[in-house]
């Protein structure tokens, strides 16, 4: 909608707002889903595009890993090739006083 078709254009406009990013970083920001986003970059993008953060960010809930209860059995059995070593108990015949 804003007539930007190359990431280099966005890189220059971000630089005008004090945001210095490499061309690779800008490409990843545009072409991929970023894992992290600096708040200054988000504000600059909203200013450039004339939109609100909610127009650019879609919250997605991730499933949490299930925690095991104390004493619960492990779903994977121990490998059969591993066996415990026998303990060897040595007596100390000299008694300390």
N, C-alpha and C. Protein backbone atom coordinates (compact mmCIF):
# COMPACT_ATOMS: atom_id res chain seq x y z
N UNK A 1 0.81 -1.20 0.00
CA UNK A 1 0.00 0.00 0.00
C UNK A 1 0.85 1.26 0.00
N UNK A 2 2.06 1.18 0.53
CA UNK A 2 2.90 2.37 0.66
C UNK A 2 3.94 2.47 -0.45
N UNK A 3 3.84 1.62 -1.45
CA UNK A 3 4.72 1.71 -2.60
C UNK A 3 6.16 1.26 -2.35
N UNK A 4 6.39 0.51 -1.29
CA UNK A 4 7.73 -0.01 -1.03
C UNK A 4 7.78 -1.46 -1.51
N UNK A 5 8.67 -1.72 -2.44
CA UNK A 5 8.76 -3.06 -3.00
C UNK A 5 10.12 -3.69 -2.79
N UNK A 6 11.04 -2.95 -2.18
CA UNK A 6 12.38 -3.48 -1.91
C UNK A 6 12.72 -3.19 -0.45
N UNK A 7 13.38 -4.15 0.17
CA UNK A 7 13.74 -3.98 1.58
C UNK A 7 14.75 -2.85 1.76
N UNK A 8 15.50 -2.51 0.70
CA UNK A 8 16.46 -1.40 0.82
C UNK A 8 15.74 -0.08 1.03
N UNK A 9 14.54 0.05 0.47
CA UNK A 9 13.75 1.27 0.69
C UNK A 9 13.37 1.38 2.17
N UNK A 10 12.92 0.29 2.74
CA UNK A 10 12.54 0.29 4.15
C UNK A 10 13.77 0.52 5.03
N UNK A 11 14.90 -0.04 4.64
CA UNK A 11 16.13 0.14 5.40
C UNK A 11 16.50 1.62 5.49
N UNK A 12 16.36 2.35 4.39
CA UNK A 12 16.68 3.79 4.37
C UNK A 12 15.70 4.58 5.24
N UNK A 13 14.42 4.25 5.16
CA UNK A 13 13.41 4.97 5.94
C UNK A 13 13.59 4.69 7.44
N UNK A 14 13.95 3.47 7.79
CA UNK A 14 14.24 3.16 9.18
C UNK A 14 15.47 3.94 9.66
N UNK A 15 16.48 4.05 8.82
CA UNK A 15 17.70 4.80 9.18
C UNK A 15 17.37 6.26 9.45
N UNK A 16 16.43 6.83 8.70
CA UNK A 16 16.01 8.21 8.93
C UNK A 16 15.41 8.39 10.32
N UNK A 17 14.87 7.33 10.87
CA UNK A 17 14.27 7.36 12.21
C UNK A 17 15.22 6.84 13.29
N UNK A 18 16.49 6.67 12.93
CA UNK A 18 17.50 6.26 13.91
C UNK A 18 17.62 4.76 14.12
N UNK A 19 16.99 3.98 13.27
CA UNK A 19 17.05 2.53 13.38
C UNK A 19 18.04 2.02 12.32
N UNK A 20 19.17 1.50 12.78
CA UNK A 20 20.20 0.98 11.87
C UNK A 20 20.09 -0.53 11.84
N UNK A 21 19.77 -1.04 10.66
CA UNK A 21 19.66 -2.49 10.47
C UNK A 21 20.35 -2.86 9.17
N UNK A 22 20.95 -4.05 9.14
CA UNK A 22 21.56 -4.51 7.90
C UNK A 22 20.45 -4.91 6.93
N UNK A 23 20.82 -5.06 5.67
CA UNK A 23 19.83 -5.45 4.67
C UNK A 23 19.28 -6.84 4.96
N UNK A 24 20.13 -7.71 5.53
CA UNK A 24 19.69 -9.06 5.89
C UNK A 24 18.66 -9.00 7.02
N UNK A 25 18.91 -8.15 8.02
CA UNK A 25 17.98 -8.00 9.13
C UNK A 25 16.63 -7.47 8.66
N UNK A 26 16.65 -6.49 7.77
CA UNK A 26 15.40 -5.92 7.25
C UNK A 26 14.67 -6.97 6.43
N UNK A 27 15.40 -7.74 5.62
CA UNK A 27 14.76 -8.80 4.83
C UNK A 27 14.08 -9.81 5.74
N UNK A 28 14.78 -10.23 6.80
CA UNK A 28 14.18 -11.20 7.73
C UNK A 28 12.95 -10.63 8.42
N UNK A 29 13.01 -9.34 8.74
CA UNK A 29 11.88 -8.68 9.38
C UNK A 29 10.65 -8.68 8.46
N UNK A 30 10.89 -8.49 7.18
CA UNK A 30 9.79 -8.41 6.20
C UNK A 30 9.33 -9.79 5.74
N UNK A 31 10.27 -10.69 5.48
CA UNK A 31 9.94 -11.96 4.84
C UNK A 31 9.66 -13.11 5.80
N UNK A 32 10.11 -12.98 7.05
CA UNK A 32 9.94 -14.08 8.00
C UNK A 32 9.20 -13.59 9.24
N UNK A 33 8.78 -14.52 10.05
CA UNK A 33 8.15 -14.17 11.32
C UNK A 33 9.27 -13.95 12.34
N UNK A 34 9.45 -12.71 12.82
CA UNK A 34 10.55 -12.48 13.76
C UNK A 34 10.27 -13.11 15.12
N UNK A 35 11.32 -13.67 15.72
CA UNK A 35 11.19 -14.25 17.06
C UNK A 35 11.15 -13.15 18.11
N UNK A 36 11.91 -12.10 17.87
CA UNK A 36 11.96 -10.95 18.78
C UNK A 36 11.83 -9.68 17.96
N UNK A 37 11.29 -8.65 18.57
CA UNK A 37 11.15 -7.38 17.88
C UNK A 37 11.43 -6.26 18.87
N UNK A 38 12.42 -5.46 18.57
CA UNK A 38 12.78 -4.32 19.40
C UNK A 38 11.62 -3.33 19.38
N UNK A 39 11.31 -2.77 20.53
CA UNK A 39 10.19 -1.84 20.64
C UNK A 39 10.41 -0.60 19.79
N UNK A 40 11.67 -0.12 19.69
CA UNK A 40 11.96 1.04 18.85
C UNK A 40 11.67 0.74 17.38
N UNK A 41 11.99 -0.48 16.95
CA UNK A 41 11.72 -0.87 15.57
C UNK A 41 10.21 -0.93 15.34
N UNK A 42 9.47 -1.47 16.29
CA UNK A 42 8.02 -1.55 16.17
C UNK A 42 7.41 -0.16 16.06
N UNK A 43 7.85 0.78 16.89
CA UNK A 43 7.33 2.15 16.84
C UNK A 43 7.66 2.79 15.50
N UNK A 44 8.87 2.58 15.00
CA UNK A 44 9.26 3.15 13.71
C UNK A 44 8.42 2.55 12.58
N UNK A 45 8.20 1.23 12.62
CA UNK A 45 7.37 0.60 11.57
C UNK A 45 5.95 1.15 11.60
N UNK A 46 5.40 1.32 12.80
CA UNK A 46 4.04 1.87 12.91
C UNK A 46 3.99 3.29 12.36
N UNK A 47 5.02 4.08 12.63
CA UNK A 47 5.08 5.45 12.12
C UNK A 47 5.19 5.45 10.60
N UNK A 48 6.06 4.61 10.06
CA UNK A 48 6.27 4.53 8.61
C UNK A 48 5.00 4.08 7.89
N UNK A 49 4.34 3.06 8.44
CA UNK A 49 3.18 2.47 7.78
C UNK A 49 1.86 3.14 8.19
N UNK A 50 1.90 4.02 9.17
CA UNK A 50 0.69 4.70 9.62
C UNK A 50 -0.32 3.73 10.22
N UNK A 51 0.15 2.86 11.08
CA UNK A 51 -0.73 1.85 11.67
C UNK A 51 -0.46 1.71 13.16
N UNK A 52 -1.22 0.88 13.80
CA UNK A 52 -1.05 0.59 15.23
C UNK A 52 -0.29 -0.74 15.38
N UNK A 53 0.35 -0.95 16.54
CA UNK A 53 1.06 -2.22 16.75
C UNK A 53 0.16 -3.45 16.54
N UNK A 54 -1.10 -3.33 16.89
CA UNK A 54 -2.02 -4.47 16.71
C UNK A 54 -2.24 -4.82 15.24
N UNK A 55 -1.93 -3.89 14.34
CA UNK A 55 -2.03 -4.18 12.91
C UNK A 55 -0.85 -5.04 12.43
N UNK A 56 0.24 -4.99 13.17
CA UNK A 56 1.45 -5.72 12.77
C UNK A 56 1.69 -6.99 13.58
N UNK A 57 1.14 -7.03 14.80
CA UNK A 57 1.41 -8.15 15.69
C UNK A 57 0.14 -8.93 15.94
N UNK A 58 0.24 -10.23 15.76
CA UNK A 58 -0.89 -11.12 16.06
C UNK A 58 -0.47 -12.05 17.18
N UNK A 59 -1.07 -11.89 18.36
CA UNK A 59 -0.68 -12.78 19.46
C UNK A 59 -1.08 -14.23 19.18
N UNK A 60 -0.17 -15.14 19.48
CA UNK A 60 -0.41 -16.57 19.27
C UNK A 60 -0.02 -17.29 20.56
N UNK A 61 -0.94 -18.05 21.09
CA UNK A 61 -0.66 -18.81 22.31
C UNK A 61 0.05 -20.11 21.94
N UNK A 62 1.13 -20.41 22.64
CA UNK A 62 1.86 -21.65 22.42
C UNK A 62 1.47 -22.65 23.49
N UNK A 63 1.36 -23.89 23.12
CA UNK A 63 1.04 -24.94 24.08
C UNK A 63 2.21 -25.11 25.03
N UNK A 64 1.91 -25.19 26.32
CA UNK A 64 2.96 -25.39 27.31
C UNK A 64 3.24 -26.87 27.47
N UNK A 65 4.49 -27.17 27.80
CA UNK A 65 4.85 -28.57 28.03
C UNK A 65 4.22 -29.04 29.33
N UNK A 66 3.74 -30.26 29.29
CA UNK A 66 3.11 -30.85 30.48
C UNK A 66 4.18 -31.15 31.52
N UNK A 67 3.90 -30.81 32.76
CA UNK A 67 4.80 -31.14 33.85
C UNK A 67 4.37 -32.47 34.44
N UNK A 68 5.36 -33.27 34.82
CA UNK A 68 5.04 -34.54 35.45
C UNK A 68 4.86 -34.34 36.94
N UNK A 69 3.93 -35.06 37.50
CA UNK A 69 3.73 -35.02 38.94
C UNK A 69 4.86 -35.76 39.63
N UNK A 70 5.14 -35.37 40.86
CA UNK A 70 6.19 -36.05 41.62
C UNK A 70 5.84 -37.52 41.78
N UNK A 71 6.79 -38.37 41.52
CA UNK A 71 6.56 -39.80 41.65
C UNK A 71 5.95 -40.45 40.41
N UNK A 72 5.67 -39.65 39.38
CA UNK A 72 5.09 -40.22 38.16
C UNK A 72 6.14 -41.03 37.43
N UNK A 73 5.72 -42.08 36.79
CA UNK A 73 6.65 -42.92 36.06
C UNK A 73 7.01 -42.27 34.74
N UNK A 74 8.20 -42.55 34.29
CA UNK A 74 8.67 -42.01 33.03
C UNK A 74 8.02 -42.80 31.89
N UNK A 75 7.64 -42.10 30.84
CA UNK A 75 6.99 -42.78 29.71
C UNK A 75 7.98 -43.63 28.93
N UNK A 76 9.28 -43.32 29.03
CA UNK A 76 10.30 -44.10 28.34
C UNK A 76 10.96 -45.04 29.34
N UNK A 77 10.97 -46.33 29.08
CA UNK A 77 11.67 -47.23 29.99
C UNK A 77 13.18 -47.07 29.83
N UNK A 78 13.90 -47.42 30.87
CA UNK A 78 15.36 -47.34 30.83
C UNK A 78 15.89 -48.35 29.82
N UNK A 79 16.98 -48.01 29.15
CA UNK A 79 17.55 -48.97 28.20
C UNK A 79 17.97 -50.25 28.92
N UNK A 80 17.76 -51.40 28.28
CA UNK A 80 18.06 -52.68 28.90
C UNK A 80 19.54 -53.00 28.89
N UNK A 81 20.30 -52.35 28.04
CA UNK A 81 21.72 -52.65 27.94
C UNK A 81 22.51 -52.10 29.13
N UNK A 82 21.92 -51.22 29.89
CA UNK A 82 22.62 -50.63 31.03
C UNK A 82 22.19 -51.35 32.30
N UNK A 83 23.18 -51.82 33.04
CA UNK A 83 22.88 -52.47 34.32
C UNK A 83 23.74 -51.83 35.39
N UNK A 84 23.22 -51.78 36.62
CA UNK A 84 23.99 -51.14 37.68
C UNK A 84 25.22 -51.97 38.06
N UNK A 85 26.27 -51.30 38.51
CA UNK A 85 27.48 -52.00 38.98
C UNK A 85 27.26 -52.42 40.42
N UNK A 86 27.82 -53.56 40.76
CA UNK A 86 27.73 -54.03 42.14
C UNK A 86 28.65 -53.18 43.01
N UNK A 87 28.15 -52.86 44.18
CA UNK A 87 28.95 -52.08 45.12
C UNK A 87 29.87 -53.01 45.89
N UNK A 88 31.05 -52.54 46.17
CA UNK A 88 32.00 -53.32 46.95
C UNK A 88 32.24 -52.57 48.25
N UNK A 89 31.95 -53.24 49.35
CA UNK A 89 32.11 -52.62 50.65
C UNK A 89 33.41 -53.12 51.26
N UNK A 90 34.28 -52.21 51.63
CA UNK A 90 35.55 -52.56 52.25
C UNK A 90 35.45 -52.23 53.72
N UNK A 91 35.88 -53.17 54.54
CA UNK A 91 35.85 -52.94 55.99
C UNK A 91 37.14 -52.29 56.43
N UNK A 92 37.00 -51.44 57.39
CA UNK A 92 38.18 -50.82 58.00
C UNK A 92 38.37 -51.53 59.33
N UNK A 93 39.35 -52.45 59.39
CA UNK A 93 39.57 -53.24 60.60
C UNK A 93 40.14 -52.41 61.74
N UNK A 94 40.79 -51.35 61.44
CA UNK A 94 41.33 -50.51 62.49
C UNK A 94 40.24 -49.56 62.97
N UNK A 95 39.93 -49.69 64.23
CA UNK A 95 38.89 -48.83 64.80
C UNK A 95 39.54 -47.55 65.31
N UNK A 96 38.90 -46.48 64.99
CA UNK A 96 39.40 -45.19 65.46
C UNK A 96 38.83 -44.89 66.84
N UNK A 97 39.65 -44.31 67.67
CA UNK A 97 39.18 -44.00 69.01
C UNK A 97 39.07 -42.51 69.22
